[in-house]
């Protein structure tokens, strides 16, 4: 596996990450290893913004459409 190409989180893990992404008062941490998750916008644009949330140590990611404003990366 190429370490620069993340694999996806499980459905249960992705559901937990989606919940945390909207809860600005809770830490956004990886459900597998507890590391801080990175929120990034994918390069492509569509009618709806899709955010990539990635765990660098686990090499896993998921995509969400809702992220609390304080969690969004600066443009």
Protein backbone atom coordinates (compact mmCIF):
# COMPACT_ATOMS: atom_id res chain seq x y z
CA UNK A 1 0.00 0.00 0.00
CA UNK A 2 1.28 3.48 -0.87
CA UNK A 3 1.51 5.43 2.44
CA UNK A 4 0.38 8.60 0.65
CA UNK A 5 -2.89 6.96 -0.39
CA UNK A 6 -5.16 6.52 2.63
CA UNK A 7 -7.75 3.78 2.90
CA UNK A 8 -11.21 4.48 4.23
CA UNK A 9 -12.39 4.11 7.80
CA UNK A 10 -15.07 1.50 8.52
CA UNK A 11 -18.69 2.62 8.36
CA UNK A 12 -18.93 2.72 12.16
CA UNK A 13 -15.72 4.76 12.43
CA UNK A 14 -16.90 7.14 9.70
CA UNK A 15 -20.22 7.65 11.51
CA UNK A 16 -18.33 8.56 14.71
CA UNK A 17 -16.07 10.96 12.81
CA UNK A 18 -19.10 12.64 11.20
CA UNK A 19 -20.64 13.13 14.64
CA UNK A 20 -17.40 14.57 16.03
CA UNK A 21 -16.91 16.85 13.02
CA UNK A 22 -20.18 18.62 13.85
CA UNK A 23 -19.55 18.74 17.62
CA UNK A 24 -17.21 21.73 17.89
CA UNK A 25 -16.90 21.22 21.67
CA UNK A 26 -15.49 17.65 21.43
CA UNK A 27 -11.95 16.72 20.32
CA UNK A 28 -11.74 15.47 16.74
CA UNK A 29 -9.69 12.31 17.26
CA UNK A 30 -9.21 9.07 15.37
CA UNK A 31 -11.52 6.29 16.60
CA UNK A 32 -8.70 3.77 15.91
CA UNK A 33 -5.60 5.32 17.47
CA UNK A 34 -6.70 8.51 19.26
CA UNK A 35 -4.51 10.83 17.14
CA UNK A 36 -5.81 14.24 16.08
CA UNK A 37 -7.64 14.13 12.76
CA UNK A 38 -6.89 16.60 9.96
CA UNK A 39 -9.73 18.31 8.12
CA UNK A 40 -8.98 19.12 4.49
CA UNK A 41 -10.98 20.18 1.49
CA UNK A 42 -10.52 17.90 -1.50
CA UNK A 43 -9.06 19.53 -4.61
CA UNK A 44 -12.22 19.11 -6.69
CA UNK A 45 -15.24 21.35 -6.31
CA UNK A 46 -18.87 20.43 -6.76
CA UNK A 47 -22.23 21.96 -5.94
CA UNK A 48 -21.67 20.79 -2.37
CA UNK A 49 -18.47 21.11 -0.36
CA UNK A 50 -17.02 17.77 0.66
CA UNK A 51 -14.41 17.70 3.40
CA UNK A 52 -11.74 15.03 3.74
CA UNK A 53 -10.94 14.00 7.31
CA UNK A 54 -7.68 12.08 7.59
CA UNK A 55 -5.67 10.28 10.26
CA UNK A 56 -1.99 10.54 9.36
CA UNK A 57 -0.74 7.71 11.66
CA UNK A 58 -3.45 5.25 10.52
CA UNK A 59 -3.34 6.29 6.85
CA UNK A 60 -7.15 6.33 6.83
CA UNK A 61 -9.66 8.91 5.71
CA UNK A 62 -13.35 9.58 5.26
CA UNK A 63 -15.36 12.28 3.52
CA UNK A 64 -18.10 14.37 5.11
CA UNK A 65 -20.38 17.17 3.96
CA UNK A 66 -20.85 18.86 7.34
CA UNK A 67 -18.03 20.25 9.48
CA UNK A 68 -18.42 22.72 12.35
CA UNK A 69 -17.14 26.12 11.27
CA UNK A 70 -14.32 26.20 13.82
CA UNK A 71 -12.93 22.92 12.46
CA UNK A 72 -12.62 24.05 8.82
CA UNK A 73 -9.16 24.71 7.43
CA UNK A 74 -8.37 28.28 6.43
CA UNK A 75 -8.56 28.97 2.70
